[in-house]
Amino acid sequence: MSLQNWWKYTIGYKEAGDLLLRNALEGGRQHVLVFPIIFLYRHYIELILKEIIMNNRAFLGISENFPNYHNIDRLWEICRENFQKVDEAIDPQFTKSEEYQKIVEGYSVLEIDLRKFAVLDPTSESFRYPVDNRGRPIVVDKKNVNLKELPELINRISEALEGISVGAYEILKQKEDGMHCYD
């Protein structure tokens, strides 16, 4: 496995979601635009989680298959498991520090936000297709989606995940370059 940098993809989906959301909130077409908005943000979150997983696995020397499923909760679970392994590999003493505990608390806050978002579309079908993979209609209760509160949620998720993504990229890059700055 090698270094993954999917920034152009991940940020593209997020920025497209931002543009559509702004348009929906200003133009009043929320009932139509809600579907692509949620899909774009969901795909952004899924891609950035997968990028983090791939870079952490590469750092750890884990050669598992690419996670080809869409479950945000499961992808986040894998990320959290790998964070601890990466941190232990870099500095086992750091994982016992107060600073590390604050980082873990931040992960828990992010997890709450990811779950809030994931509940909107647990299978990655609801906002992508009008029917499920068996052809049955998918009923979306759009009342559960508050587009006015969505920017704040997405911004919190984005800020946290992008920081984690950059960190995972940088420590792997340093390792591949033979540097030991992460020590």
C-alpha atoms as a PDB file:
ATOM      1  CA  MET A   1       0.000   0.000   0.000  1.00  0.00           C
ATOM      2  CA  SER A   2       1.192   3.488  -0.652  1.00  0.00           C
ATOM      3  CA  LEU A   3       0.418   6.999   0.401  1.00  0.00           C
ATOM      4  CA  GLN A   4      -3.130   8.134  -0.437  1.00  0.00           C
ATOM      5  CA  ASN A   5      -4.075  11.759  -1.040  1.00  0.00           C
ATOM      6  CA  TRP A   6      -7.678  12.025  -2.137  1.00  0.00           C
ATOM      7  CA  TRP A   7      -8.025  15.706  -1.301  1.00  0.00           C
ATOM      8  CA  LYS A   8      -9.300  16.707  -4.780  1.00  0.00           C
ATOM      9  CA  TYR A   9     -12.054  14.115  -4.535  1.00  0.00           C
ATOM     10  CA  THR A  10     -13.037  14.651  -0.926  1.00  0.00           C
ATOM     11  CA  ILE A  11     -13.034  18.438  -1.019  1.00  0.00           C
ATOM     12  CA  GLY A  12     -14.857  18.408  -4.353  1.00  0.00           C
ATOM     13  CA  TYR A  13     -17.814  16.516  -2.910  1.00  0.00           C
ATOM     14  CA  LYS A  14     -17.881  18.736   0.166  1.00  0.00           C
ATOM     15  CA  GLU A  15     -17.692  21.969  -1.811  1.00  0.00           C
ATOM     16  CA  ALA A  16     -20.417  20.767  -4.185  1.00  0.00           C
ATOM     17  CA  GLY A  17     -22.589  20.000  -1.141  1.00  0.00           C
ATOM     18  CA  ASP A  18     -21.827  23.457   0.276  1.00  0.00           C
ATOM     19  CA  LEU A  19     -22.822  25.143  -2.991  1.00  0.00           C
ATOM     20  CA  LEU A  20     -26.059  23.206  -3.303  1.00  0.00           C
ATOM     21  CA  LEU A  21     -26.921  23.749   0.340  1.00  0.00           C
ATOM     22  CA  ARG A  22     -26.361  27.490   0.063  1.00  0.00           C
ATOM     23  CA  ASN A  23     -28.486  27.525  -3.098  1.00  0.00           C
ATOM     24  CA  ALA A  24     -31.251  25.520  -1.414  1.00  0.00           C
ATOM     25  CA  LEU A  25     -31.328  27.745   1.650  1.00  0.00           C
ATOM     26  CA  GLU A  26     -31.345  30.925  -0.435  1.00  0.00           C
ATOM     27  CA  GLY A  27     -33.575  29.720  -3.256  1.00  0.00           C
ATOM     28  CA  GLY A  28     -36.123  27.619  -1.416  1.00  0.00           C
ATOM     29  CA  ARG A  29     -35.737  24.386  -3.412  1.00  0.00           C
ATOM     30  CA  GLN A  30     -34.871  22.311  -0.333  1.00  0.00           C
ATOM     31  CA  HIS A  31     -37.430  19.594  -1.160  1.00  0.00           C
ATOM     32  CA  VAL A  32     -35.601  18.790  -4.408  1.00  0.00           C
ATOM     33  CA  LEU A  33     -32.001  19.582  -3.501  1.00  0.00           C
ATOM     34  CA  VAL A  34     -32.018  17.693  -0.191  1.00  0.00           C
ATOM     35  CA  PHE A  35     -31.248  14.425  -2.013  1.00  0.00           C
ATOM     36  CA  PRO A  36     -28.028  15.476  -3.768  1.00  0.00           C
ATOM     37  CA  ILE A  37     -26.934  17.588  -0.777  1.00  0.00           C
ATOM     38  CA  ILE A  38     -27.061  14.671   1.655  1.00  0.00           C
ATOM     39  CA  PHE A  39     -25.526  12.315  -0.902  1.00  0.00           C
ATOM     40  CA  LEU A  40     -22.596  14.666  -1.606  1.00  0.00           C
ATOM     41  CA  TYR A  41     -21.829  15.197   2.073  1.00  0.00           C
ATOM     42  CA  ARG A  42     -22.200  11.503   2.810  1.00  0.00           C
ATOM     43  CA  HIS A  43     -19.825  10.584   0.010  1.00  0.00           C
ATOM     44  CA  TYR A  44     -17.341  13.203   1.234  1.00  0.00           C
ATOM     45  CA  ILE A  45     -17.380  11.680   4.727  1.00  0.00           C
ATOM     46  CA  GLU A  46     -17.083   8.136   3.397  1.00  0.00           C
ATOM     47  CA  LEU A  47     -14.131   8.994   1.142  1.00  0.00           C
ATOM     48  CA  ILE A  48     -12.171  10.847   3.790  1.00  0.00           C
ATOM     49  CA  LEU A  49     -12.691   8.002   6.273  1.00  0.00           C
ATOM     50  CA  LYS A  50     -11.467   5.492   3.684  1.00  0.00           C
ATOM     51  CA  GLU A  51      -8.425   7.643   2.896  1.00  0.00           C
ATOM     52  CA  ILE A  52      -7.551   7.803   6.602  1.00  0.00           C
ATOM     53  CA  ILE A  53      -7.977   4.027   6.905  1.00  0.00           C
ATOM     54  CA  MET A  54      -5.738   3.332   3.925  1.00  0.00           C
ATOM     55  CA  ASN A  55      -2.968   5.664   5.148  1.00  0.00           C
ATOM     56  CA  ASN A  56      -3.096   4.318   8.699  1.00  0.00           C
ATOM     57  CA  ARG A  57      -3.022   0.742   7.432  1.00  0.00           C
ATOM     58  CA  ALA A  58      -0.040   1.551   5.239  1.00  0.00           C
ATOM     59  CA  PHE A  59       1.760   3.126   8.210  1.00  0.00           C
ATOM     60  CA  LEU A  60       1.054   0.030  10.298  1.00  0.00           C
ATOM     61  CA  GLY A  61       1.994  -2.381   7.505  1.00  0.00           C
ATOM     62  CA  ILE A  62      -1.511  -3.851   7.401  1.00  0.00           C
ATOM     63  CA  SER A  63      -2.405  -5.215   3.968  1.00  0.00           C
ATOM     64  CA  GLU A  64      -6.154  -5.656   4.199  1.00  0.00           C
ATOM     65  CA  ASN A  65      -8.498  -5.133   1.285  1.00  0.00           C
ATOM     66  CA  PHE A  66      -9.913  -1.716   0.577  1.00  0.00           C
ATOM     67  CA  PRO A  67     -13.085  -1.225   2.631  1.00  0.00           C
ATOM     68  CA  ASN A  68     -15.674  -1.423  -0.150  1.00  0.00           C
ATOM     69  CA  TYR A  69     -18.731  -0.885   2.023  1.00  0.00           C
ATOM     70  CA  HIS A  70     -20.501   2.376   2.808  1.00  0.00           C
ATOM     71  CA  ASN A  71     -21.324   2.128   6.499  1.00  0.00           C
ATOM     72  CA  ILE A  72     -19.977   5.320   8.093  1.00  0.00           C
ATOM     73  CA  ASP A  73     -20.236   3.889  11.612  1.00  0.00           C
ATOM     74  CA  ARG A  74     -18.122   0.866  10.670  1.00  0.00           C
ATOM     75  CA  LEU A  75     -15.567   2.973   8.791  1.00  0.00           C
ATOM     76  CA  TRP A  76     -15.221   5.245  11.820  1.00  0.00           C
ATOM     77  CA  GLU A  77     -14.818   2.205  14.086  1.00  0.00           C
ATOM     78  CA  ILE A  78     -11.902   1.022  11.937  1.00  0.00           C
ATOM     79  CA  CYS A  79     -10.370   4.505  12.050  1.00  0.00           C
ATOM     80  CA  ARG A  80     -10.535   4.614  15.846  1.00  0.00           C
ATOM     81  CA  GLU A  81      -8.976   1.171  16.165  1.00  0.00           C
ATOM     82  CA  ASN A  82      -6.126   2.213  13.885  1.00  0.00           C
ATOM     83  CA  PHE A  83      -5.568   5.560  15.652  1.00  0.00           C
ATOM     84  CA  GLN A  84      -4.654   3.789  18.834  1.00  0.00           C
ATOM     85  CA  LYS A  85      -2.334   1.369  17.015  1.00  0.00           C
ATOM     86  CA  VAL A  86      -0.615   4.217  15.161  1.00  0.00           C
ATOM     87  CA  ASP A  87      -0.193   6.270  18.328  1.00  0.00           C
ATOM     88  CA  GLU A  88       1.211   3.254  20.168  1.00  0.00           C
ATOM     89  CA  ALA A  89       3.661   2.634  17.316  1.00  0.00           C
ATOM     90  CA  ILE A  90       4.837   6.251  17.314  1.00  0.00           C
ATOM     91  CA  ASP A  91       5.087   6.805  21.077  1.00  0.00           C
ATOM     92  CA  PRO A  92       3.631   4.369  23.612  1.00  0.00           C
ATOM     93  CA  GLN A  93       4.210   6.902  26.402  1.00  0.00           C
ATOM     94  CA  PHE A  94       2.140   9.565  24.623  1.00  0.00           C
ATOM     95  CA  THR A  95      -0.954   7.364  24.831  1.00  0.00           C
ATOM     96  CA  LYS A  96      -0.749   7.660  28.624  1.00  0.00           C
ATOM     97  CA  SER A  97      -0.621  11.463  28.650  1.00  0.00           C
ATOM     98  CA  GLU A  98      -3.351  14.001  29.431  1.00  0.00           C
ATOM     99  CA  GLU A  99      -2.869  15.501  25.974  1.00  0.00           C
ATOM    100  CA  TYR A 100      -3.660  12.141  24.411  1.00  0.00           C
ATOM    101  CA  GLN A 101      -6.801  11.837  26.555  1.00  0.00           C
ATOM    102  CA  LYS A 102      -7.987  15.191  25.172  1.00  0.00           C
ATOM    103  CA  ILE A 103      -7.452  13.872  21.656  1.00  0.00           C
ATOM    104  CA  VAL A 104      -9.481  10.754  22.483  1.00  0.00           C
ATOM    105  CA  GLU A 105     -12.245  12.982  23.886  1.00  0.00           C
ATOM    106  CA  GLY A 106     -12.217  14.862  20.573  1.00  0.00           C
ATOM    107  CA  TYR A 107     -12.645  11.552  18.756  1.00  0.00           C
ATOM    108  CA  SER A 108     -15.692  10.837  20.917  1.00  0.00           C
ATOM    109  CA  VAL A 109     -17.242  14.217  20.066  1.00  0.00           C
ATOM    110  CA  LEU A 110     -16.580  13.572  16.364  1.00  0.00           C
ATOM    111  CA  GLU A 111     -18.163  10.139  16.693  1.00  0.00           C
ATOM    112  CA  ILE A 112     -21.375  11.694  18.030  1.00  0.00           C
ATOM    113  CA  ASP A 113     -21.504  14.051  15.030  1.00  0.00           C
ATOM    114  CA  LEU A 114     -20.770  11.236  12.582  1.00  0.00           C
ATOM    115  CA  ARG A 115     -23.614   9.200  14.063  1.00  0.00           C
ATOM    116  CA  LYS A 116     -25.981  12.174  13.781  1.00  0.00           C
ATOM    117  CA  PHE A 117     -25.152  12.364  10.119  1.00  0.00           C
ATOM    118  CA  ALA A 118     -25.067   8.618   9.448  1.00  0.00           C
ATOM    119  CA  VAL A 119     -28.568   8.154  10.816  1.00  0.00           C
ATOM    120  CA  LEU A 120     -29.893  10.183   7.880  1.00  0.00           C
ATOM    121  CA  ASP A 121     -28.723   7.549   5.405  1.00  0.00           C
ATOM    122  CA  PRO A 122     -27.333   4.411   7.070  1.00  0.00           C
ATOM    123  CA  THR A 123     -26.947   2.359   3.870  1.00  0.00           C
ATOM    124  CA  SER A 124     -25.925   5.043   1.352  1.00  0.00           C
ATOM    125  CA  GLU A 125     -29.072   4.348  -0.630  1.00  0.00           C
ATOM    126  CA  SER A 126     -31.719   6.661   0.778  1.00  0.00           C
ATOM    127  CA  PHE A 127     -30.521   9.858  -0.866  1.00  0.00           C
ATOM    128  CA  ARG A 128     -28.941   8.236  -3.904  1.00  0.00           C
ATOM    129  CA  TYR A 129     -31.789   6.149  -5.272  1.00  0.00           C
ATOM    130  CA  PRO A 130     -35.592   6.181  -5.108  1.00  0.00           C
ATOM    131  CA  VAL A 131     -35.543   2.361  -4.733  1.00  0.00           C
ATOM    132  CA  ASP A 132     -33.376  -0.120  -2.813  1.00  0.00           C
ATOM    133  CA  ASN A 133     -31.251  -2.815  -4.476  1.00  0.00           C
ATOM    134  CA  ARG A 134     -34.302  -5.073  -4.664  1.00  0.00           C
ATOM    135  CA  GLY A 135     -36.416  -2.453  -6.420  1.00  0.00           C
ATOM    136  CA  ARG A 136     -38.536  -1.557  -3.391  1.00  0.00           C
ATOM    137  CA  PRO A 137     -39.300   2.134  -2.909  1.00  0.00           C
ATOM    138  CA  ILE A 138     -37.157   3.913  -0.350  1.00  0.00           C
ATOM    139  CA  VAL A 139     -39.146   6.218   1.859  1.00  0.00           C
ATOM    140  CA  VAL A 140     -37.148   9.164   3.118  1.00  0.00           C
ATOM    141  CA  ASP A 141     -38.576  11.156   5.970  1.00  0.00           C
ATOM    142  CA  LYS A 142     -37.200  14.537   4.990  1.00  0.00           C
ATOM    143  CA  LYS A 143     -38.539  15.965   8.235  1.00  0.00           C
ATOM    144  CA  ASN A 144     -35.487  14.392   9.929  1.00  0.00           C
ATOM    145  CA  VAL A 145     -33.233  16.576   7.769  1.00  0.00           C
ATOM    146  CA  ASN A 146     -32.825  20.142   8.946  1.00  0.00           C
ATOM    147  CA  LEU A 147     -30.871  21.865   6.200  1.00  0.00           C
ATOM    148  CA  LYS A 148     -30.490  25.013   8.308  1.00  0.00           C
ATOM    149  CA  GLU A 149     -28.581  23.082  11.000  1.00  0.00           C
ATOM    150  CA  LEU A 150     -26.633  20.950   8.531  1.00  0.00           C
ATOM    151  CA  PRO A 151     -23.812  23.452   7.805  1.00  0.00           C
ATOM    152  CA  GLU A 152     -22.746  23.550  11.456  1.00  0.00           C
ATOM    153  CA  LEU A 153     -22.722  19.738  11.714  1.00  0.00           C
ATOM    154  CA  ILE A 154     -20.817  19.305   8.449  1.00  0.00           C
ATOM    155  CA  ASN A 155     -18.288  21.974   9.385  1.00  0.00           C
ATOM    156  CA  ARG A 156     -17.534  20.295  12.725  1.00  0.00           C
ATOM    157  CA  ILE A 157     -17.157  16.907  11.015  1.00  0.00           C
ATOM    158  CA  SER A 158     -15.068  18.391   8.216  1.00  0.00           C
ATOM    159  CA  GLU A 159     -12.699  20.271  10.505  1.00  0.00           C
ATOM    160  CA  ALA A 160     -12.018  17.168  12.579  1.00  0.00           C
ATOM    161  CA  LEU A 161     -11.715  14.684   9.702  1.00  0.00           C
ATOM    162  CA  GLU A 162      -9.527  16.926   7.582  1.00  0.00           C
ATOM    163  CA  GLY A 163      -7.144  17.410  10.516  1.00  0.00           C
ATOM    164  CA  ILE A 164      -6.993  13.673  11.073  1.00  0.00           C
ATOM    165  CA  SER A 165      -6.526  13.053   7.358  1.00  0.00           C
ATOM    166  CA  VAL A 166      -3.597  15.486   7.111  1.00  0.00           C
ATOM    167  CA  GLY A 167      -2.016  13.913  10.186  1.00  0.00           C
ATOM    168  CA  ALA A 168      -2.357  10.380   8.830  1.00  0.00           C
ATOM    169  CA  TYR A 169      -0.908  11.497   5.498  1.00  0.00           C
ATOM    170  CA  GLU A 170       2.023  13.317   7.069  1.00  0.00           C
ATOM    171  CA  ILE A 171       3.154  10.530   9.396  1.00  0.00           C
ATOM    172  CA  LEU A 172       3.015   8.012   6.555  1.00  0.00           C
ATOM    173  CA  LYS A 173       4.878  10.381   4.236  1.00  0.00           C
ATOM    174  CA  GLN A 174       7.590  10.837   6.862  1.00  0.00           C
ATOM    175  CA  LYS A 175       7.864   7.084   7.285  1.00  0.00           C
ATOM    176  CA  GLU A 176       8.067   6.495   3.527  1.00  0.00           C
ATOM    177  CA  ASP A 177      10.666   9.263   3.198  1.00  0.00           C
ATOM    178  CA  GLY A 178      12.725   7.566   5.892  1.00  0.00           C
ATOM    179  CA  MET A 179      12.311  10.462   8.268  1.00  0.00           C
ATOM    180  CA  HIS A 180      11.639   9.959  11.937  1.00  0.00           C
ATOM    181  CA  CYS A 181      10.078  13.314  12.762  1.00  0.00           C
ATOM    182  CA  TYR A 182       7.082  11.511  14.220  1.00  0.00           C
ATOM    183  CA  ASP A 183       9.291  10.089  16.974  1.00  0.00           C
END
